[in-house]
Amino acid sequence: MSGLGDAFNKVKRTAEKNSEKIAEQVEKVAKTAKRKTGSEHDDKIDKASGTATEYLRKRAEKERTERDEQ
């Protein structure tokens, strides 16, 4: 199971370093998902993408703060 844990940690570090770019992609994916589902699940897509984007933006702010402190 350590292989899965290592992979998760690597993805987490990558997301922390590139969170703004990933947040932009989340928004694009959400728009595509809405179009593909015919707006049937917009509320769920908005909730999921909003939560992911907020998390990523907080990570980006934390990363900037840590860089400024160094």
C-alpha atoms as a PDB file:
ATOM      1  CA  MET A   1       0.000   0.000   0.000  1.00  0.00           C
ATOM      2  CA  SER A   2       2.981   2.326   0.372  1.00  0.00           C
ATOM      3  CA  GLY A   3       3.164   2.650  -3.418  1.00  0.00           C
ATOM      4  CA  LEU A   4      -0.307   4.158  -3.461  1.00  0.00           C
ATOM      5  CA  GLY A   5       0.580   6.469  -0.580  1.00  0.00           C
ATOM      6  CA  ASP A   6       3.737   7.603  -2.360  1.00  0.00           C
ATOM      7  CA  ALA A   7       1.796   8.267  -5.544  1.00  0.00           C
ATOM      8  CA  PHE A   8      -0.820  10.273  -3.633  1.00  0.00           C
ATOM      9  CA  ASN A   9       1.869  12.361  -1.946  1.00  0.00           C
ATOM     10  CA  LYS A  10       3.501  13.077  -5.303  1.00  0.00           C
ATOM     11  CA  VAL A  11       0.178  14.213  -6.775  1.00  0.00           C
ATOM     12  CA  LYS A  12      -0.436  16.356  -3.689  1.00  0.00           C
ATOM     13  CA  ARG A  13       2.955  18.084  -3.993  1.00  0.00           C
ATOM     14  CA  THR A  14       2.398  18.696  -7.698  1.00  0.00           C
ATOM     15  CA  ALA A  15      -1.039  20.177  -6.995  1.00  0.00           C
ATOM     16  CA  GLU A  16       0.435  22.469  -4.350  1.00  0.00           C
ATOM     17  CA  LYS A  17       3.041  23.804  -6.749  1.00  0.00           C
ATOM     18  CA  ASN A  18       0.624  24.248  -9.665  1.00  0.00           C
ATOM     19  CA  SER A  19      -2.661  24.938  -7.914  1.00  0.00           C
ATOM     20  CA  GLU A  20      -3.607  28.040  -9.912  1.00  0.00           C
ATOM     21  CA  LYS A  21      -3.157  26.264 -13.234  1.00  0.00           C
ATOM     22  CA  ILE A  22      -5.091  23.244 -11.988  1.00  0.00           C
ATOM     23  CA  ALA A  23      -7.932  25.482 -10.734  1.00  0.00           C
ATOM     24  CA  GLU A  24      -8.247  26.949 -14.239  1.00  0.00           C
ATOM     25  CA  GLN A  25      -8.480  23.449 -15.677  1.00  0.00           C
ATOM     26  CA  VAL A  26     -11.131  22.450 -13.119  1.00  0.00           C
ATOM     27  CA  GLU A  27     -13.289  25.325 -14.364  1.00  0.00           C
ATOM     28  CA  LYS A  28     -12.846  24.229 -17.993  1.00  0.00           C
ATOM     29  CA  VAL A  29     -13.723  20.637 -17.130  1.00  0.00           C
ATOM     30  CA  ALA A  30     -16.828  21.790 -15.248  1.00  0.00           C
ATOM     31  CA  LYS A  31     -18.031  23.745 -18.290  1.00  0.00           C
ATOM     32  CA  THR A  32     -17.473  20.722 -20.507  1.00  0.00           C
ATOM     33  CA  ALA A  33     -19.265  18.415 -18.072  1.00  0.00           C
ATOM     34  CA  LYS A  34     -22.262  20.757 -17.973  1.00  0.00           C
ATOM     35  CA  ARG A  35     -22.431  20.839 -21.735  1.00  0.00           C
ATOM     36  CA  LYS A  36     -22.118  17.053 -22.021  1.00  0.00           C
ATOM     37  CA  THR A  37     -24.838  16.380 -19.421  1.00  0.00           C
ATOM     38  CA  GLY A  38     -27.258  18.831 -20.991  1.00  0.00           C
ATOM     39  CA  SER A  39     -27.319  20.922 -17.806  1.00  0.00           C
ATOM     40  CA  GLU A  40     -29.021  18.065 -15.972  1.00  0.00           C
ATOM     41  CA  HIS A  41     -26.424  17.979 -13.169  1.00  0.00           C
ATOM     42  CA  ASP A  42     -25.274  21.607 -13.070  1.00  0.00           C
ATOM     43  CA  ASP A  43     -25.827  21.943  -9.323  1.00  0.00           C
ATOM     44  CA  LYS A  44     -23.644  18.939  -8.536  1.00  0.00           C
ATOM     45  CA  ILE A  45     -20.958  19.983 -11.011  1.00  0.00           C
ATOM     46  CA  ASP A  46     -20.920  23.521  -9.596  1.00  0.00           C
ATOM     47  CA  LYS A  47     -20.629  22.228  -6.044  1.00  0.00           C
ATOM     48  CA  ALA A  48     -17.774  19.843  -6.870  1.00  0.00           C
ATOM     49  CA  SER A  49     -15.836  22.291  -9.014  1.00  0.00           C
ATOM     50  CA  GLY A  50     -16.367  25.082  -6.500  1.00  0.00           C
ATOM     51  CA  THR A  51     -15.033  22.964  -3.666  1.00  0.00           C
ATOM     52  CA  ALA A  52     -12.017  21.857  -5.694  1.00  0.00           C
ATOM     53  CA  THR A  53     -11.274  25.389  -6.882  1.00  0.00           C
ATOM     54  CA  GLU A  54     -11.528  26.839  -3.383  1.00  0.00           C
ATOM     55  CA  TYR A  55      -9.152  24.183  -2.036  1.00  0.00           C
ATOM     56  CA  LEU A  56      -6.662  24.846  -4.820  1.00  0.00           C
ATOM     57  CA  ARG A  57      -6.807  28.609  -4.357  1.00  0.00           C
ATOM     58  CA  LYS A  58      -6.145  28.211  -0.624  1.00  0.00           C
ATOM     59  CA  ARG A  59      -3.165  25.979  -1.428  1.00  0.00           C
ATOM     60  CA  ALA A  60      -1.848  28.591  -3.865  1.00  0.00           C
ATOM     61  CA  GLU A  61      -2.136  31.302  -1.231  1.00  0.00           C
ATOM     62  CA  LYS A  62      -0.338  29.109   1.300  1.00  0.00           C
ATOM     63  CA  GLU A  63       2.421  28.398  -1.236  1.00  0.00           C
ATOM     64  CA  ARG A  64       2.862  32.129  -1.945  1.00  0.00           C
ATOM     65  CA  THR A  65       2.957  32.942   1.765  1.00  0.00           C
ATOM     66  CA  GLU A  66       5.582  30.274   2.412  1.00  0.00           C
ATOM     67  CA  ARG A  67       7.715  31.544  -0.481  1.00  0.00           C
ATOM     68  CA  ASP A  68       7.476  35.120   0.786  1.00  0.00           C
ATOM     69  CA  GLU A  69       8.577  34.064   4.273  1.00  0.00           C
ATOM     70  CA  GLN A  70      11.748  32.419   2.962  1.00  0.00           C
END
